[in-house]
Amino acid sequence: MDEVIGFEDGEVASLLSSAEGMPTLDIGKRIFCNSAVNMKNIVAVGFDMDYTLAQYKPDTFESLAYDGTVEKLVTNLGYPKELLEWSFDWTYMVRGLVLDKKRGNILKMDRHKYVKVAYHGFRLMSKSEKVATYGNTFTRDAFDGPDYAHIDTLFSLAEAYLFAQLVDFKDKNPEKIS
């Protein structure tokens, strides 16, 4: 049998064979499958973010994340109730974006960190606005640290969309969000 990184000899065979071989395998390396799980004693559920164990319906999954976040903003943080009327377009955002949380901008950069496209909320920034804010090809920001959020997984698309909505809402209604 081929070597599997992270497993000792014989451990891989016990993964693939009957339950008799399982006691020798560290519990952290065991794989558990069940079509009906009793959630009574489950404290937390994790998601594999690369779709290797589960295939997600992005529109459903992201909509649940979006709706839950909006509800928490309104219920727990005192945001205006009109946010509850908002909806999420899961086809709008893509991975590879950077949120400039301080300025309210959404950036698409090339591999050299040159800002190719910039939006303020949902408004496309002009080239002169973009260059004035983020420099030209010779001077650029590092785009890391607490002022930036990288949208690098499918699970971050809802937060990017909500971010754009909140920026637009705050620009139009500065008195409603501090």
Protein backbone atom coordinates (compact mmCIF):
# COMPACT_ATOMS: atom_id res chain seq x y z
CA MET A 1 0.00 0.00 0.00
CA ASP A 2 1.29 3.50 -0.82
CA GLU A 3 2.58 5.67 2.00
CA VAL A 4 0.07 8.21 3.30
CA ILE A 5 1.61 11.27 4.93
CA GLY A 6 0.70 11.67 8.60
CA PHE A 7 -0.07 7.98 9.21
CA GLU A 8 2.16 5.23 10.55
CA ASP A 9 2.47 1.83 8.85
CA GLY A 10 -0.69 -0.19 9.35
CA GLU A 11 -2.85 2.81 10.26
CA VAL A 12 -4.03 3.30 6.69
CA ALA A 13 -5.00 -0.36 6.46
CA SER A 14 -7.03 -0.02 9.65
CA LEU A 15 -8.84 2.96 8.15
CA LEU A 16 -9.85 0.91 5.16
CA SER A 17 -10.61 -2.35 6.94
CA SER A 18 -13.09 -3.54 9.51
CA ALA A 19 -13.74 -2.01 12.94
CA GLU A 20 -11.43 -4.54 14.63
CA GLY A 21 -8.41 -2.53 13.50
CA MET A 22 -9.71 0.79 14.77
CA PRO A 23 -8.62 0.78 18.46
CA THR A 24 -4.96 1.22 17.45
CA LEU A 25 -5.73 4.36 15.47
CA ASP A 26 -5.60 7.73 17.26
CA ILE A 27 -9.12 9.17 17.46
CA GLY A 28 -7.97 12.39 15.80
CA LYS A 29 -7.11 10.43 12.66
CA ARG A 30 -10.32 8.43 12.45
CA ILE A 31 -12.95 9.12 9.80
CA PHE A 32 -16.57 8.90 10.90
CA CYS A 33 -19.42 8.59 8.43
CA ASN A 34 -23.08 8.39 9.27
CA SER A 35 -26.18 9.31 7.35
CA ALA A 36 -28.22 9.89 10.51
CA VAL A 37 -26.39 11.74 13.29
CA ASN A 38 -28.00 12.38 16.65
CA MET A 39 -27.15 16.06 17.21
CA LYS A 40 -28.13 15.99 20.90
CA ASN A 41 -24.53 15.87 22.17
CA ILE A 42 -22.88 17.73 19.28
CA VAL A 43 -21.35 21.00 20.48
CA ALA A 44 -19.95 22.31 17.19
CA VAL A 45 -20.12 21.48 13.50
CA GLY A 46 -17.24 22.26 11.16
CA PHE A 47 -17.32 22.62 7.41
CA ASP A 48 -14.64 21.52 5.00
CA MET A 49 -14.01 24.59 2.93
CA ASP A 50 -12.62 22.89 -0.14
CA TYR A 51 -15.64 20.72 -1.00
CA THR A 52 -13.72 17.44 -0.49
CA LEU A 53 -16.19 15.90 1.95
CA ALA A 54 -19.39 17.67 1.04
CA GLN A 55 -20.87 19.42 -1.95
CA TYR A 56 -22.63 22.61 -0.93
CA LYS A 57 -25.38 24.48 -2.69
CA PRO A 58 -23.78 27.93 -2.61
CA ASP A 59 -27.02 29.85 -2.99
CA THR A 60 -28.59 28.03 -0.03
CA PHE A 61 -25.52 27.97 2.20
CA GLU A 62 -24.51 31.59 1.61
CA SER A 63 -28.11 32.80 1.98
CA LEU A 64 -28.32 31.16 5.40
CA ALA A 65 -25.05 32.80 6.46
CA TYR A 66 -26.20 36.15 5.11
CA ASP A 67 -29.65 36.04 6.74
CA GLY A 68 -28.17 34.96 10.08
CA THR A 69 -25.63 37.78 10.02
CA VAL A 70 -28.22 40.42 9.16
CA GLU A 71 -30.46 39.15 11.96
CA LYS A 72 -27.59 39.41 14.46
CA LEU A 73 -26.72 42.93 13.29
CA VAL A 74 -30.30 44.04 13.90
CA THR A 75 -31.07 42.00 17.03
CA ASN A 76 -27.74 42.10 18.88
CA LEU A 77 -26.02 45.23 17.61
CA GLY A 78 -28.93 47.61 17.12
CA TYR A 79 -28.73 48.11 13.37
CA PRO A 80 -31.89 49.47 11.70
CA LYS A 81 -34.70 46.95 11.20
CA GLU A 82 -34.93 47.83 7.50
CA LEU A 83 -31.84 45.66 6.94
CA LEU A 84 -34.10 42.64 7.50
CA GLU A 85 -35.74 43.44 4.14
CA TRP A 86 -32.44 43.08 2.27
CA SER A 87 -31.66 40.06 0.15
CA PHE A 88 -28.47 38.39 -0.98
CA ASP A 89 -27.41 37.86 -4.60
CA TRP A 90 -24.98 34.94 -4.36
CA THR A 91 -23.89 35.35 -8.00
CA TYR A 92 -22.60 38.92 -7.55
CA MET A 93 -19.33 38.44 -5.61
CA VAL A 94 -16.30 36.34 -6.51
CA ARG A 95 -13.33 35.02 -4.59
CA GLY A 96 -10.07 36.93 -4.70
CA LEU A 97 -11.41 40.28 -3.50
CA VAL A 98 -10.02 42.42 -0.70
CA LEU A 99 -12.27 44.51 1.53
CA ASP A 100 -10.81 47.81 2.65
CA LYS A 101 -12.81 48.02 5.87
CA LYS A 102 -11.57 51.49 6.80
CA ARG A 103 -12.60 53.15 3.52
CA GLY A 104 -15.58 50.97 2.57
CA ASN A 105 -14.01 49.78 -0.67
CA ILE A 106 -13.92 46.41 -2.42
CA LEU A 107 -10.78 45.76 -4.44
CA LYS A 108 -9.76 43.38 -7.19
CA MET A 109 -5.99 43.25 -7.55
CA ASP A 110 -3.50 41.52 -9.76
CA ARG A 111 -0.77 39.27 -8.39
CA HIS A 112 1.51 42.27 -7.87
CA LYS A 113 -1.07 43.96 -5.59
CA TYR A 114 -1.96 46.58 -8.17
CA VAL A 115 -5.60 47.58 -7.70
CA LYS A 116 -7.20 46.90 -11.06
CA VAL A 117 -10.82 47.57 -10.08
CA ALA A 118 -12.20 49.30 -7.00
CA TYR A 119 -15.76 49.78 -5.79
CA HIS A 120 -17.02 51.91 -2.93
CA GLY A 121 -19.95 49.78 -1.85
CA PHE A 122 -21.57 48.97 -5.20
CA ARG A 123 -20.32 52.14 -6.92
CA LEU A 124 -17.42 51.70 -9.34
CA MET A 125 -14.63 54.11 -8.42
CA SER A 126 -13.14 56.18 -11.23
CA LYS A 127 -9.53 55.62 -12.23
CA SER A 128 -8.51 58.93 -10.67
CA GLU A 129 -10.26 58.02 -7.36
CA LYS A 130 -8.60 54.61 -7.40
CA VAL A 131 -5.11 56.01 -8.07
CA ALA A 132 -5.56 58.79 -5.49
CA THR A 133 -6.53 56.23 -2.87
CA TYR A 134 -4.30 53.25 -3.69
CA GLY A 135 -1.44 54.69 -5.74
CA ASN A 136 -0.20 53.74 -9.16
CA THR A 137 1.91 50.84 -10.36
CA PHE A 138 4.98 52.11 -8.46
CA THR A 139 3.56 52.80 -5.00
CA ARG A 140 1.17 50.37 -3.38
CA ASP A 141 -0.22 49.40 -0.01
CA ALA A 142 0.56 45.99 1.50
CA PHE A 143 -3.20 45.24 1.88
CA ASP A 144 -2.81 43.27 5.08
CA GLY A 145 -3.55 43.93 8.71
CA PRO A 146 -6.77 44.68 10.52
CA ASP A 147 -8.02 47.23 7.97
CA TYR A 148 -8.33 44.59 5.24
CA ALA A 149 -10.28 41.36 4.85
CA HIS A 150 -9.46 38.86 2.13
CA ILE A 151 -12.38 37.15 0.43
CA ASP A 152 -10.62 33.95 -0.49
CA THR A 153 -13.23 31.26 0.11
CA LEU A 154 -16.74 30.65 -1.13
CA PHE A 155 -17.86 31.02 2.47
CA SER A 156 -16.88 34.72 2.47
CA LEU A 157 -19.04 35.86 -0.43
CA ALA A 158 -22.04 36.71 1.73
CA GLU A 159 -19.97 38.91 4.02
CA ALA A 160 -18.53 40.79 1.03
CA TYR A 161 -22.00 41.40 -0.38
CA LEU A 162 -23.33 42.54 2.99
CA PHE A 163 -20.29 44.81 3.38
CA ALA A 164 -21.11 46.54 0.06
CA GLN A 165 -24.76 46.93 1.09
CA LEU A 166 -23.80 48.41 4.46
CA VAL A 167 -21.37 50.88 2.86
CA ASP A 168 -24.07 52.10 0.47
CA PHE A 169 -26.62 52.28 3.29
CA LYS A 170 -24.27 54.25 5.54
CA ASP A 171 -23.40 56.68 2.72
CA LYS A 172 -27.11 57.35 2.08
CA ASN A 173 -28.17 57.28 5.76
CA PRO A 174 -25.19 58.42 7.89
CA GLU A 175 -27.43 59.09 10.88
CA LYS A 176 -28.74 55.51 11.04
CA ILE A 177 -25.39 53.72 11.52
CA SER A 178 -22.69 55.07 13.81
